[in-house]
Amino acid sequence: MFISRYRSILSGLLACVTVFLVSCGGPTTAQAPTYTPETLKRIESHATEVSQLRDRMGELEDLIEARDWINVDTFIHGPLGTLRQEMSLINRNLLPGEQSQGRELARTLFRHLEAINLAAKQEDYATAVQNYRESLADFDAFLDVVPTSETTG
């Protein structure tokens, strides 16, 4: 009989301690993820490379206009050869909520570049021009996703 009272008193005491401990712990406020200065510096370094490659896309347009199919292929695999790596490095440093958008834009860009390459092999001017225009839009959309110190500060 004494043991059953002891158990109920002990249970009540443990319940009170638990309630007290839970009530003392206030809610934690989740802080929105932000870019550190080091992360921004890394992103901007790779973004500079991507932006320079974007600026060179006019050379690809000239090659397509001249129907210089061999050099179209060479340009895509040569000067634009590091583009995938640079965009991937940027995507790894984006905030988690922005990474999927960056990856999708990069994938779409590469699909258009691959389509240009295939059009060059088939000497299909219209397809090459259409995919070139779409690749420019993809490039610009990707660069819009990339944060800079001006947009975050």
Protein backbone atom coordinates (compact mmCIF):
# COMPACT_ATOMS: atom_id res chain seq x y z
CA MET A 1 0.00 0.00 0.00
CA PHE A 2 2.84 2.38 0.85
CA ILE A 3 4.58 1.51 -2.42
CA SER A 4 1.54 2.35 -4.53
CA ARG A 5 1.26 5.81 -2.86
CA TYR A 6 4.98 6.32 -3.34
CA ARG A 7 4.61 5.53 -7.06
CA SER A 8 1.71 7.95 -7.56
CA ILE A 9 3.54 10.72 -5.68
CA LEU A 10 6.69 10.05 -7.70
CA SER A 11 4.69 10.05 -10.96
CA GLY A 12 3.03 13.35 -10.03
CA LEU A 13 6.38 14.88 -9.07
CA LEU A 14 7.96 13.77 -12.39
CA ALA A 15 5.00 15.22 -14.30
CA CYS A 16 5.44 18.56 -12.51
CA VAL A 17 9.18 18.63 -13.22
CA THR A 18 8.56 17.81 -16.89
CA VAL A 19 5.94 20.56 -17.22
CA PHE A 20 8.30 23.02 -15.54
CA LEU A 21 11.22 22.14 -17.79
CA VAL A 22 9.12 22.33 -20.96
CA SER A 23 7.63 25.68 -19.96
CA CYS A 24 11.06 27.18 -19.25
CA GLY A 25 12.33 26.40 -22.71
CA GLY A 26 11.07 29.17 -24.97
CA PRO A 27 10.42 28.66 -28.66
CA THR A 28 13.47 28.88 -30.83
CA THR A 29 13.25 31.31 -33.69
CA ALA A 30 14.46 29.90 -36.96
CA GLN A 31 16.73 32.26 -38.81
CA ALA A 32 16.43 32.44 -42.57
CA PRO A 33 19.51 31.09 -44.32
CA THR A 34 21.77 33.76 -45.72
CA TYR A 35 24.98 33.93 -47.70
CA THR A 36 28.22 34.37 -45.83
CA PRO A 37 30.75 36.79 -47.30
CA GLU A 38 33.01 33.84 -48.17
CA THR A 39 30.21 32.05 -50.01
CA LEU A 40 29.34 35.20 -51.94
CA LYS A 41 32.97 35.62 -52.90
CA ARG A 42 33.10 32.03 -54.23
CA ILE A 43 29.83 32.47 -56.12
CA GLU A 44 30.92 35.77 -57.64
CA SER A 45 34.22 34.25 -58.74
CA HIS A 46 32.45 31.50 -60.69
CA ALA A 47 29.72 33.88 -61.86
CA THR A 48 32.39 36.07 -63.44
CA GLU A 49 33.54 33.08 -65.49
CA VAL A 50 29.98 32.21 -66.51
CA SER A 51 29.27 35.84 -67.41
CA GLN A 52 32.39 35.97 -69.59
CA LEU A 53 31.24 32.83 -71.39
CA ARG A 54 27.82 34.43 -71.86
CA ASP A 55 29.53 37.43 -73.43
CA ARG A 56 31.27 35.11 -75.90
CA MET A 57 27.97 33.66 -77.15
CA GLY A 58 28.03 36.28 -79.92
CA GLU A 59 30.92 34.32 -81.44
CA LEU A 60 28.69 31.24 -81.56
CA GLU A 61 25.99 33.28 -83.26
CA ASP A 62 28.48 34.43 -85.90
CA LEU A 63 29.52 30.83 -86.54
CA ILE A 64 25.90 29.72 -86.89
CA GLU A 65 25.11 32.64 -89.22
CA ALA A 66 28.13 31.71 -91.35
CA ARG A 67 26.97 28.07 -91.27
CA ASP A 68 30.48 27.15 -90.11
CA TRP A 69 29.29 23.87 -88.61
CA ILE A 70 32.70 22.46 -87.73
CA ASN A 71 33.60 25.53 -85.70
CA VAL A 72 30.15 25.60 -84.06
CA ASP A 73 30.92 22.15 -82.68
CA THR A 74 34.45 23.23 -81.74
CA PHE A 75 33.20 26.35 -79.96
CA ILE A 76 30.65 24.42 -77.89
CA HIS A 77 33.25 21.90 -76.76
CA GLY A 78 36.15 24.37 -76.58
CA PRO A 79 35.45 27.77 -75.03
CA LEU A 80 32.11 26.63 -73.57
CA GLY A 81 33.68 23.41 -72.31
CA THR A 82 34.14 24.69 -68.74
CA LEU A 83 30.62 26.10 -68.51
CA ARG A 84 29.06 23.00 -66.94
CA GLN A 85 31.71 22.91 -64.20
CA GLU A 86 31.40 26.62 -63.40
CA MET A 87 27.61 26.47 -63.23
CA SER A 88 27.78 23.39 -61.03
CA LEU A 89 30.14 25.17 -58.63
CA ILE A 90 27.74 28.09 -58.41
CA ASN A 91 24.78 25.79 -57.79
CA ARG A 92 26.58 24.05 -54.91
CA ASN A 93 26.97 27.38 -53.14
CA LEU A 94 23.41 28.64 -53.63
CA LEU A 95 20.94 28.53 -50.76
CA PRO A 96 19.00 25.26 -50.66
CA GLY A 97 15.80 26.91 -51.91
CA GLU A 98 17.59 28.32 -54.97
CA GLN A 99 19.65 25.27 -55.91
CA SER A 100 16.87 23.42 -57.69
CA GLN A 101 16.05 26.43 -59.86
CA GLY A 102 19.73 26.92 -60.71
CA ARG A 103 20.17 23.23 -61.57
CA GLU A 104 17.08 23.22 -63.79
CA LEU A 105 18.20 26.34 -65.66
CA ALA A 106 21.65 24.83 -66.18
CA ARG A 107 20.12 21.58 -67.48
CA THR A 108 17.91 23.49 -69.89
CA LEU A 109 20.86 25.53 -71.14
CA PHE A 110 22.87 22.39 -71.81
CA ARG A 111 19.95 20.76 -73.61
CA HIS A 112 19.90 23.76 -75.96
CA LEU A 113 23.66 23.66 -76.46
CA GLU A 114 23.45 19.94 -77.23
CA ALA A 115 20.65 20.67 -79.69
CA ILE A 116 22.84 23.30 -81.37
CA ASN A 117 25.64 20.75 -81.57
CA LEU A 118 23.30 18.17 -83.13
CA ALA A 119 21.94 20.78 -85.55
CA ALA A 120 25.51 21.61 -86.56
CA LYS A 121 26.19 17.94 -87.32
CA GLN A 122 23.01 17.83 -89.40
CA GLU A 123 23.69 21.30 -90.87
CA ASP A 124 20.22 22.39 -89.72
CA TYR A 125 20.36 26.17 -89.63
CA ALA A 126 16.81 26.82 -88.35
CA THR A 127 17.18 24.45 -85.38
CA ALA A 128 20.59 25.87 -84.52
CA VAL A 129 19.26 29.46 -84.53
CA GLN A 130 16.18 28.57 -82.46
CA ASN A 131 18.25 26.74 -79.83
CA TYR A 132 20.83 29.52 -79.81
CA ARG A 133 18.12 32.07 -78.91
CA GLU A 134 16.74 29.80 -76.21
CA SER A 135 20.22 29.20 -74.80
CA LEU A 136 20.70 32.96 -74.43
CA ALA A 137 17.46 33.19 -72.45
CA ASP A 138 18.60 30.29 -70.26
CA PHE A 139 21.97 31.94 -69.69
CA ASP A 140 20.33 35.20 -68.65
CA ALA A 141 17.81 33.45 -66.38
CA PHE A 142 20.63 31.54 -64.67
CA LEU A 143 22.66 34.70 -64.12
CA ASP A 144 19.55 36.35 -62.62
CA VAL A 145 19.41 33.58 -59.99
CA VAL A 146 23.03 34.13 -58.98
CA PRO A 147 23.31 36.41 -55.94
CA THR A 148 25.79 39.23 -55.78
CA SER A 149 26.96 41.30 -52.85
CA GLU A 150 24.82 44.18 -54.17
CA THR A 151 21.62 42.08 -54.20
CA THR A 152 22.19 40.53 -50.77
CA GLY A 153 23.68 43.47 -48.92
